[in-house]
């Protein structure tokens, strides 16, 4: 909290329980050990060695009554003398309650536990039971959805950023969307939300876990669905479809200091070969720009912007060094996306191939003293909510079905994660009552 200005609300407590050792180790530092030693271990040793003299029961009761009485007297005097000030001040600064320690994070631990038991009690909801592929569509679709991690829109040169962070994508025939907003400010919220039916206004983690999502509807319609993960997990989104982790060298052939996102691409050819019938939908969940150790997120050959911050203690680095390390990781994502497009081009003659990329949330890089992400949505700056999104369509994609030119004209309109569910259903031409054409980004020709 002190180093990165994070707030320990119930979403952050959820993140703590859903993280893995690899992510947690990125936060370990000498400063953390010093905090624990000087402010935790040593005071605890001193306290435990203090001799405690217990008063009689009567004196103990009187002492407590006196303490409570004095505290109440101070509260009454404060309210009577400064009540008008505090009433208006607290009304205009409601966010102050997020910083009350230790009461706020203790409250949210209890809130999280309550939600956990509520989750187990909720009945499971099935959606899109009528889902089926459009009759008469003989062309097979091959769509790859890349779920980015911690990428912010204003650090993509495609969106006007002054550094060339997207040199590879600029050579591809993509459609870049400039005004896209995330469902949440953390992976634990945004990832399940973008696959859920209801969207951000109706999203609850407990409800999402107890309900089918986009992947279930596609699978019911006959689409072959695969989730490959180089992040901590799918956050329950892929529990009922085929999924595989690429966090270790057991599956990922491209590992050095850590396993790289590009290693997930090695699975795609064999998966396509082993599924000769039906459409194919593959989700690649990136490690992307996961902080604070941005310098670990890319191979050394991608350190183009220097000097780069080489520590997870971001407050020790200059703003330039933090941005450079972060931008190098964006540069590697640019390479990964372009490499995925080039792979899909090999199947252009036999499939209607397409790629969709969108990040789960953004990131604070020290602006106004804020780092990382996960602030409550109402408090979070745009840098944590404004995310990059792009699409690519192969030459064989039926232009009579998808109006590419009109889609290009819409690239500056405001969209959000709410659109993803319906856009993907539209791409696969899945007919179901849960499909809302008004939320489908892609204009379809009649």
Protein backbone atom coordinates (compact mmCIF):
# COMPACT_ATOMS: atom_id res chain seq x y z
CA UNK A 1 0.00 0.00 0.00
CA UNK A 2 2.81 2.38 0.84
CA UNK A 3 4.93 1.56 -2.22
CA UNK A 4 2.27 1.37 -4.92
CA UNK A 5 -0.69 3.33 -3.46
CA UNK A 6 -3.05 0.36 -3.82
CA UNK A 7 -6.32 0.09 -1.89
CA UNK A 8 -7.20 -3.20 -0.22
CA UNK A 9 -10.87 -3.45 -1.17
CA UNK A 10 -12.68 -6.75 -1.68
CA UNK A 11 -11.47 -6.95 -5.31
CA UNK A 12 -7.85 -6.68 -4.15
CA UNK A 13 -8.46 -9.34 -1.49
CA UNK A 14 -9.83 -11.52 -4.31
CA UNK A 15 -6.66 -10.83 -6.32
CA UNK A 16 -4.53 -11.95 -3.36
CA UNK A 17 -6.32 -15.31 -3.16
CA UNK A 18 -6.27 -15.84 -6.94
CA UNK A 19 -2.63 -14.92 -7.63
CA UNK A 20 0.15 -17.48 -7.98
CA UNK A 21 3.67 -17.77 -6.58
CA UNK A 22 5.23 -16.37 -9.76
CA UNK A 23 3.19 -13.16 -9.59
CA UNK A 24 3.64 -12.80 -5.84
CA UNK A 25 7.43 -13.08 -6.11
CA UNK A 26 7.43 -10.07 -8.44
CA UNK A 27 6.38 -7.99 -5.43
CA UNK A 28 9.06 -9.32 -3.05
CA UNK A 29 11.86 -6.81 -2.40
CA UNK A 30 14.42 -5.79 0.20
CA UNK A 31 12.14 -2.93 1.18
CA UNK A 32 9.33 -5.39 1.92
CA UNK A 33 11.61 -7.48 4.15
CA UNK A 34 12.74 -4.35 5.98
CA UNK A 35 9.12 -3.31 6.56
CA UNK A 36 8.29 -6.75 7.94
CA UNK A 37 11.42 -6.85 10.11
CA UNK A 38 11.39 -3.31 11.52
CA UNK A 39 7.62 -2.76 11.73
CA UNK A 40 6.51 -6.33 12.34
CA UNK A 41 8.99 -8.86 13.73
CA UNK A 42 11.04 -6.62 16.07
CA UNK A 43 8.02 -4.88 17.67
CA UNK A 44 6.35 -8.28 18.09
CA UNK A 45 9.44 -9.66 19.85
CA UNK A 46 9.56 -6.59 22.11
CA UNK A 47 5.86 -6.88 22.98
CA UNK A 48 5.98 -10.61 23.65
CA UNK A 49 8.89 -10.12 26.09
CA UNK A 50 7.11 -7.39 28.06
CA UNK A 51 5.88 -8.52 31.48
CA UNK A 52 2.12 -8.11 31.73
CA UNK A 53 0.51 -7.27 35.06
CA UNK A 54 -3.17 -8.20 35.05
CA UNK A 55 -5.35 -5.98 37.30
CA UNK A 56 -8.25 -7.29 39.31
CA UNK A 57 -11.56 -7.87 37.54
CA UNK A 58 -13.07 -4.77 39.16
CA UNK A 59 -10.18 -2.50 38.14
CA UNK A 60 -10.21 -3.97 34.64
CA UNK A 61 -13.91 -3.15 34.19
CA UNK A 62 -13.48 0.38 35.58
CA UNK A 63 -10.50 1.01 33.29
CA UNK A 64 -12.44 -0.04 30.22
CA UNK A 65 -15.50 2.00 31.18
CA UNK A 66 -13.28 5.05 31.72
CA UNK A 67 -11.54 4.60 28.37
CA UNK A 68 -14.83 4.18 26.49
CA UNK A 69 -16.34 7.16 28.32
CA UNK A 70 -13.43 9.46 27.47
CA UNK A 71 -13.51 8.33 23.82
CA UNK A 72 -17.26 8.99 23.57
CA UNK A 73 -16.81 12.42 25.19
CA UNK A 74 -14.16 13.35 22.62
CA UNK A 75 -16.42 12.16 19.78
CA UNK A 76 -19.38 14.20 21.08
CA UNK A 77 -17.27 17.36 21.52
CA UNK A 78 -15.78 16.94 18.03
CA UNK A 79 -19.21 16.44 16.39
CA UNK A 80 -20.75 19.43 18.22
CA UNK A 81 -17.86 21.78 17.45
CA UNK A 82 -16.92 20.64 13.92
CA UNK A 83 -20.00 18.68 12.82
CA UNK A 84 -20.91 20.96 9.91
CA UNK A 85 -17.37 20.76 8.51
CA UNK A 86 -17.06 16.98 8.75
CA UNK A 87 -20.55 16.38 7.37
CA UNK A 88 -19.79 18.23 4.14
CA UNK A 89 -16.14 17.13 4.00
CA UNK A 90 -16.93 13.42 4.28
CA UNK A 91 -19.85 13.73 1.89
CA UNK A 92 -17.58 15.25 -0.77
CA UNK A 93 -14.66 12.91 -0.06
CA UNK A 94 -16.29 9.49 0.27
CA UNK A 95 -13.13 7.84 -1.02
CA UNK A 96 -11.42 8.51 2.35
CA UNK A 97 -13.08 5.43 3.78
CA UNK A 98 -10.92 3.32 1.44
CA UNK A 99 -7.82 4.47 3.34
CA UNK A 100 -9.00 3.73 6.90
CA UNK A 101 -6.56 1.17 8.35
CA UNK A 102 -6.87 -1.47 9.57
CA UNK A 103 -10.68 -1.35 9.58
CA UNK A 104 -11.16 -1.17 5.80
CA UNK A 105 -9.15 -4.22 4.80
CA UNK A 106 -10.48 -6.21 7.78
CA UNK A 107 -14.01 -5.32 6.64
CA UNK A 108 -13.19 -6.42 3.07
CA UNK A 109 -11.69 -9.73 4.19
CA UNK A 110 -15.03 -10.41 5.88
CA UNK A 111 -16.85 -9.25 2.76
CA UNK A 112 -14.76 -11.59 0.60
CA UNK A 113 -15.43 -14.55 2.89
CA UNK A 114 -19.15 -13.76 2.78
CA UNK A 115 -19.08 -13.68 -1.03
CA UNK A 116 -17.21 -17.00 -1.06
CA UNK A 117 -19.97 -18.77 0.87
CA UNK A 118 -22.59 -16.97 -1.22
CA UNK A 119 -20.90 -18.28 -4.40
CA UNK A 120 -21.23 -21.87 -3.22
CA UNK A 121 -24.91 -21.35 -2.48
CA UNK A 122 -25.90 -19.89 -5.86
CA UNK A 123 -27.64 -22.24 -8.32
CA UNK A 124 -25.80 -22.66 -11.63
CA UNK A 125 -27.33 -20.75 -14.56
CA UNK A 126 -27.34 -22.04 -18.14
CA UNK A 127 -27.53 -19.52 -20.99
CA UNK A 128 -27.95 -19.76 -24.74
CA UNK A 129 -29.55 -23.19 -24.65
CA UNK A 130 -30.92 -22.52 -28.15
CA UNK A 131 -27.46 -21.70 -29.61
CA UNK A 132 -26.85 -23.13 -33.07
CA UNK A 133 -24.76 -22.38 -36.11
CA UNK A 134 -26.46 -20.49 -38.92
CA UNK A 135 -27.83 -22.92 -41.49
CA UNK A 136 -26.21 -22.64 -44.90
CA UNK A 137 -22.84 -21.26 -43.74
CA UNK A 138 -20.38 -23.74 -45.23
CA UNK A 139 -17.21 -21.73 -44.60
CA UNK A 140 -15.21 -22.67 -41.49
CA UNK A 141 -14.22 -19.83 -39.15
CA UNK A 142 -10.88 -19.75 -37.35
CA UNK A 143 -10.84 -16.95 -34.78
CA UNK A 144 -8.09 -16.24 -32.25
CA UNK A 145 -8.92 -13.94 -29.34
CA UNK A 146 -5.90 -12.59 -27.49
CA UNK A 147 -6.68 -11.35 -23.99
CA UNK A 148 -3.96 -8.82 -23.19
CA UNK A 149 -2.61 -8.10 -19.74
CA UNK A 150 -2.16 -4.61 -18.26
CA UNK A 151 -1.79 -2.78 -21.58
CA UNK A 152 -2.93 0.84 -21.67
CA UNK A 153 -4.19 2.39 -24.88
CA UNK A 154 -2.13 5.56 -24.69
CA UNK A 155 1.15 3.59 -24.88
CA UNK A 156 0.28 2.08 -28.28
CA UNK A 157 1.86 4.03 -31.13
CA UNK A 158 -1.23 2.96 -33.12
CA UNK A 159 -3.08 5.43 -30.88
CA UNK A 160 -0.59 8.27 -31.35
CA UNK A 161 1.99 7.44 -28.67
CA UNK A 162 5.28 9.18 -29.46
CA UNK A 163 7.40 6.02 -29.17
CA UNK A 164 7.21 3.36 -31.89
CA UNK A 165 5.78 0.60 -29.71
CA UNK A 166 3.81 -1.02 -32.58
CA UNK A 167 6.22 -1.23 -35.53
CA UNK A 168 5.10 -4.75 -36.51
CA UNK A 169 1.36 -4.12 -36.26
CA UNK A 170 1.73 -0.96 -38.32
CA UNK A 171 2.77 -3.26 -41.20
CA UNK A 172 -0.35 -5.41 -40.84
CA UNK A 173 -3.77 -4.68 -42.29
CA UNK A 174 -5.49 -4.25 -38.94
CA UNK A 175 -8.41 -2.20 -37.66
CA UNK A 176 -7.40 -0.35 -34.50
CA UNK A 177 -10.07 0.84 -32.06
CA UNK A 178 -9.10 3.96 -30.13
CA UNK A 179 -11.90 4.37 -27.58
CA UNK A 180 -12.33 1.10 -25.69
CA UNK A 181 -12.94 0.77 -21.94
CA UNK A 182 -12.44 -2.13 -19.56
CA UNK A 183 -14.99 -3.80 -17.32
CA UNK A 184 -12.74 -3.58 -14.28
CA UNK A 185 -9.29 -2.54 -13.14
CA UNK A 186 -8.01 -6.02 -12.31
CA UNK A 187 -7.73 -9.36 -14.10
CA UNK A 188 -9.96 -11.10 -11.55
CA UNK A 189 -12.85 -8.82 -12.56
CA UNK A 190 -12.19 -7.94 -16.21
CA UNK A 191 -11.48 -11.40 -17.61
CA UNK A 192 -14.65 -13.16 -16.38
CA UNK A 193 -16.64 -9.98 -17.09
CA UNK A 194 -15.64 -9.77 -20.76
CA UNK A 195 -16.92 -13.33 -21.31
CA UNK A 196 -20.09 -12.84 -19.25
CA UNK A 197 -23.48 -12.01 -20.73
CA UNK A 198 -24.56 -9.13 -18.51
CA UNK A 199 -21.70 -6.64 -18.94
CA UNK A 200 -20.15 -4.31 -16.37
CA UNK A 201 -23.38 -2.83 -15.00
CA UNK A 202 -24.70 -6.29 -14.10
CA UNK A 203 -21.42 -8.00 -13.27
CA UNK A 204 -20.76 -9.77 -9.99
CA UNK A 205 -17.95 -12.26 -9.59
CA UNK A 206 -20.22 -14.62 -7.66
CA UNK A 207 -22.84 -14.49 -10.39
CA UNK A 208 -20.28 -15.03 -13.17
CA UNK A 209 -18.79 -18.08 -11.47
CA UNK A 210 -22.24 -19.62 -11.15
CA UNK A 211 -23.18 -19.05 -14.78
CA UNK A 212 -22.23 -20.14 -18.25
CA UNK A 213 -20.43 -17.63 -20.45
CA UNK A 214 -19.48 -16.96 -24.07
CA UNK A 215 -17.26 -20.05 -24.28
CA UNK A 216 -20.10 -22.33 -23.18
CA UNK A 217 -22.51 -20.86 -25.74
CA UNK A 218 -19.97 -21.27 -28.57
CA UNK A 219 -19.21 -24.82 -27.54
CA UNK A 220 -22.93 -25.65 -27.45
CA UNK A 221 -23.25 -24.30 -31.01
CA UNK A 222 -20.59 -26.75 -32.20
CA UNK A 223 -17.52 -24.52 -32.12
CA UNK A 224 -14.24 -26.13 -31.03
CA UNK A 225 -13.04 -23.99 -28.10
CA UNK A 226 -9.49 -23.94 -26.67
CA UNK A 227 -8.04 -21.70 -23.92
CA UNK A 228 -4.25 -21.39 -23.63
CA UNK A 229 -2.97 -19.49 -20.62
CA UNK A 230 0.40 -17.86 -19.94
CA UNK A 231 -1.09 -15.88 -17.06
CA UNK A 232 -2.13 -17.06 -13.60
CA UNK A 233 -5.45 -18.60 -14.76
CA UNK A 234 -8.65 -17.95 -16.69
CA UNK A 235 -10.29 -16.66 -13.47
CA UNK A 236 -12.94 -19.41 -13.86
CA UNK A 237 -13.90 -18.36 -17.43
CA UNK A 238 -12.55 -21.56 -19.06
CA UNK A 239 -13.56 -24.14 -16.48
CA UNK A 240 -15.88 -26.03 -18.84
CA UNK A 241 -13.78 -25.96 -22.04
CA UNK A 242 -10.42 -27.43 -22.96
CA UNK A 243 -7.66 -25.35 -21.40
CA UNK A 244 -3.94 -25.62 -20.81
CA UNK A 245 -1.35 -23.62 -18.89
CA UNK A 246 1.80 -22.42 -20.62
CA UNK A 247 3.44 -21.04 -17.48
CA UNK A 248 6.07 -23.78 -17.30
CA UNK A 249 8.55 -25.37 -19.68
CA UNK A 250 6.55 -28.61 -19.48
CA UNK A 251 4.20 -27.17 -22.13
CA UNK A 252 5.85 -23.94 -23.24
CA UNK A 253 8.93 -24.43 -25.46
CA UNK A 254 9.90 -20.73 -25.30
CA UNK A 255 11.09 -20.13 -21.75
CA UNK A 256 14.17 -18.23 -20.56
CA UNK A 257 13.96 -16.21 -17.35
CA UNK A 258 10.22 -16.83 -17.68
CA UNK A 259 7.91 -18.50 -20.20
CA UNK A 260 7.00 -16.28 -23.15
CA UNK A 261 3.61 -15.58 -24.69
CA UNK A 262 4.85 -16.66 -28.13
CA UNK A 263 5.21 -20.22 -26.81
CA UNK A 264 1.42 -20.58 -26.89
CA UNK A 265 1.46 -20.34 -30.69
CA UNK A 266 3.21 -23.71 -30.98
CA UNK A 267 -0.03 -25.47 -29.94
CA UNK A 268 -2.24 -23.91 -32.60
CA UNK A 269 -1.17 -25.95 -35.71
CA UNK A 270 -1.66 -29.31 -34.01
CA UNK A 271 -5.01 -28.25 -32.54
CA UNK A 272 -6.28 -27.19 -35.98
CA UNK A 273 -5.03 -30.45 -37.52
CA UNK A 274 -6.78 -32.53 -34.86
CA UNK A 275 -10.13 -30.76 -35.39
CA UNK A 276 -11.00 -31.29 -39.06
CA UNK A 277 -14.66 -30.38 -38.56
CA UNK A 278 -16.43 -27.32 -37.20
CA UNK A 279 -15.35 -23.75 -36.49
CA UNK A 280 -12.40 -23.07 -34.18
CA UNK A 281 -12.11 -20.47 -31.42
CA UNK A 282 -8.80 -20.15 -29.57
CA UNK A 283 -8.20 -17.82 -26.63
CA UNK A 284 -4.62 -16.84 -25.77
CA UNK A 285 -4.31 -15.25 -22.32
CA UNK A 286 -1.10 -13.23 -22.19
CA UNK A 287 1.37 -12.49 -19.44
CA UNK A 288 1.73 -9.22 -21.33
CA UNK A 289 2.72 -6.22 -19.22
CA UNK A 290 2.05 -7.64 -15.78
CA UNK A 291 3.84 -5.44 -13.25
CA UNK A 292 5.68 -4.29 -11.33
CA UNK A 293 8.61 -6.23 -12.84
CA UNK A 294 8.02 -5.00 -16.40
CA UNK A 295 11.63 -5.73 -17.33
CA UNK A 296 10.93 -9.47 -16.95
CA UNK A 297 8.07 -9.40 -19.46
CA UNK A 298 10.24 -9.29 -22.58
CA UNK A 299 13.41 -11.01 -23.87
CA UNK A 300 16.62 -8.92 -23.74
CA UNK A 301 16.51 -8.41 -27.51
CA UNK A 302 13.36 -6.28 -27.08
CA UNK A 303 14.99 -3.73 -24.77
CA UNK A 304 14.83 -0.98 -27.33
CA UNK A 305 13.85 1.88 -25.03
CA UNK A 306 16.56 2.68 -22.49
CA UNK A 307 17.37 3.23 -19.68
CA UNK A 308 14.81 0.74 -18.38
CA UNK A 309 13.76 0.16 -14.78
CA UNK A 310 15.30 -3.15 -13.63
CA UNK A 311 13.61 -3.52 -10.25
CA UNK A 312 10.13 -4.19 -8.90
CA UNK A 313 10.56 -1.24 -6.52
CA UNK A 314 9.22 1.29 -9.00
CA UNK A 315 9.63 4.22 -6.63
CA UNK A 316 13.41 3.77 -6.99
CA UNK A 317 13.23 4.38 -10.75
CA UNK A 318 12.69 7.59 -12.66
CA UNK A 319 9.50 8.12 -14.63
CA UNK A 320 11.48 7.65 -17.85
CA UNK A 321 12.92 4.31 -16.70
CA UNK A 322 9.50 2.98 -15.68
CA UNK A 323 7.95 4.03 -18.98
CA UNK A 324 10.82 2.51 -20.97
CA UNK A 325 10.52 -0.89 -19.27
CA UNK A 326 6.75 -0.83 -19.72
CA UNK A 327 7.06 0.21 -23.37
CA UNK A 328 9.56 -2.58 -24.09
CA UNK A 329 6.92 -5.04 -22.88
CA UNK A 330 4.37 -3.38 -25.20
CA UNK A 331 6.89 -3.79 -28.01
CA UNK A 332 7.05 -7.53 -27.28
CA UNK A 333 3.23 -7.73 -27.32
CA UNK A 334 3.34 -6.01 -30.72
CA UNK A 335 5.69 -8.76 -31.95
CA UNK A 336 3.49 -11.48 -30.45
CA UNK A 337 0.32 -10.12 -32.08
CA UNK A 338 1.99 -9.75 -35.46
CA UNK A 339 3.43 -13.27 -35.24
CA UNK A 340 -0.06 -14.62 -34.48
CA UNK A 341 -1.46 -12.81 -37.53
CA UNK A 342 1.28 -14.28 -39.73
CA UNK A 343 0.43 -17.74 -38.41
CA UNK A 344 -3.26 -17.24 -39.23
CA UNK A 345 -2.37 -16.14 -42.76
CA UNK A 346 -1.15 -19.69 -43.42
CA UNK A 347 -4.73 -20.91 -42.96
CA UNK A 348 -6.33 -18.14 -44.99
CA UNK A 349 -7.08 -20.39 -47.96
CA UNK A 350 -9.01 -22.98 -45.94
CA UNK A 351 -10.63 -20.85 -43.19
CA UNK A 352 -12.24 -17.50 -42.67
CA UNK A 353 -9.48 -16.40 -40.31
CA UNK A 354 -9.66 -13.48 -37.90
CA UNK A 355 -7.87 -12.13 -34.83
CA UNK A 356 -9.27 -10.00 -32.02
CA UNK A 357 -7.05 -8.44 -29.36
CA UNK A 358 -8.17 -6.52 -26.28
CA UNK A 359 -6.43 -5.89 -22.96
CA UNK A 360 -8.10 -6.74 -19.66
CA UNK A 361 -7.26 -3.38 -18.01
CA UNK A 362 -4.64 -0.66 -18.04
CA UNK A 363 -1.94 0.45 -15.60
CA UNK A 364 -0.76 3.43 -13.56
CA UNK A 365 2.93 4.17 -14.04
CA UNK A 366 3.53 6.69 -11.29
CA UNK A 367 1.20 9.46 -12.40
CA UNK A 368 -0.03 11.28 -9.27
CA UNK A 369 1.89 8.78 -7.16
CA UNK A 370 -0.20 5.81 -8.37
CA UNK A 371 1.31 2.53 -9.56
CA UNK A 372 -0.03 -0.75 -10.94
CA UNK A 373 -3.82 -1.22 -11.10
CA UNK A 374 -6.80 -2.45 -9.11
CA UNK A 375 -8.20 0.83 -7.75
CA UNK A 376 -11.99 0.89 -7.29
CA UNK A 377 -13.49 1.73 -10.69
CA UNK A 378 -14.97 5.04 -9.55
CA UNK A 379 -11.54 6.21 -8.28
CA UNK A 380 -9.32 4.69 -10.96
CA UNK A 381 -7.71 7.04 -13.50
CA UNK A 382 -8.34 6.51 -17.22
CA UNK A 383 -4.91 4.91 -17.55
CA UNK A 384 -6.29 1.86 -15.68
CA UNK A 385 -9.51 1.68 -17.74
CA UNK A 386 -8.74 2.85 -21.30
CA UNK A 387 -7.46 -0.24 -23.12
CA UNK A 388 -6.19 -1.07 -26.62
CA UNK A 389 -8.23 -3.22 -28.99
CA UNK A 390 -7.71 -4.27 -32.60
CA UNK A 391 -8.98 -6.73 -35.19
CA UNK A 392 -7.51 -8.45 -38.25
CA UNK A 393 -9.44 -10.28 -40.96
CA UNK A 394 -7.93 -12.66 -43.49
CA UNK A 395 -8.41 -12.19 -47.22
CA UNK A 396 -10.80 -15.14 -47.34
CA UNK A 397 -13.18 -13.64 -44.79
CA UNK A 398 -16.55 -13.21 -46.48
CA UNK A 399 -16.89 -9.49 -47.16
CA UNK A 400 -20.56 -10.10 -47.93
CA UNK A 401 -21.02 -11.13 -44.29
CA UNK A 402 -18.77 -8.56 -42.62
CA UNK A 403 -18.75 -4.95 -43.75
CA UNK A 404 -15.04 -4.22 -43.24
CA UNK A 405 -15.16 -0.70 -44.69
CA UNK A 406 -17.98 0.36 -42.39
CA UNK A 407 -16.13 -1.20 -39.44
CA UNK A 408 -13.08 0.94 -40.22
CA UNK A 409 -15.27 4.04 -40.13
CA UNK A 410 -16.49 3.07 -36.64
CA UNK A 411 -13.03 2.57 -35.10
CA UNK A 412 -13.21 5.80 -33.07
CA UNK A 413 -16.61 5.08 -31.52
CA UNK A 414 -16.79 4.27 -27.83
CA UNK A 415 -16.82 0.54 -27.04
CA UNK A 416 -16.16 -1.61 -23.98
CA UNK A 417 -15.71 -5.19 -22.84
CA UNK A 418 -19.51 -5.39 -22.90
CA UNK A 419 -19.34 -5.66 -26.70
CA UNK A 420 -17.06 -8.70 -26.82
CA UNK A 421 -19.68 -11.38 -26.00
CA UNK A 422 -21.96 -10.36 -28.86
CA UNK A 423 -19.20 -9.51 -31.32
CA UNK A 424 -17.69 -13.00 -31.10
CA UNK A 425 -21.13 -14.63 -31.44
CA UNK A 426 -21.68 -12.51 -34.53
CA UNK A 427 -18.35 -13.55 -36.03
CA UNK A 428 -19.29 -17.23 -35.72
CA UNK A 429 -22.84 -16.55 -36.94
CA UNK A 430 -24.32 -18.24 -33.88
CA UNK A 431 -28.08 -17.84 -33.59
CA UNK A 432 -29.29 -17.58 -29.99
CA UNK A 433 -31.71 -15.48 -27.96
CA UNK A 434 -28.85 -14.11 -25.83
CA UNK A 435 -27.18 -12.48 -28.87
CA UNK A 436 -27.77 -8.72 -28.98
CA UNK A 437 -26.91 -7.28 -32.42
CA UNK A 438 -26.90 -3.76 -30.98
CA UNK A 439 -23.79 -4.67 -28.95
CA UNK A 440 -22.04 -6.38 -31.86
CA UNK A 441 -19.21 -4.07 -32.97
CA UNK A 442 -18.98 -5.62 -36.43
CA UNK A 443 -21.57 -4.48 -39.02
CA UNK A 444 -22.98 -7.50 -40.85
CA UNK A 445 -24.42 -7.29 -44.36
CA UNK A 446 -27.94 -8.68 -44.73
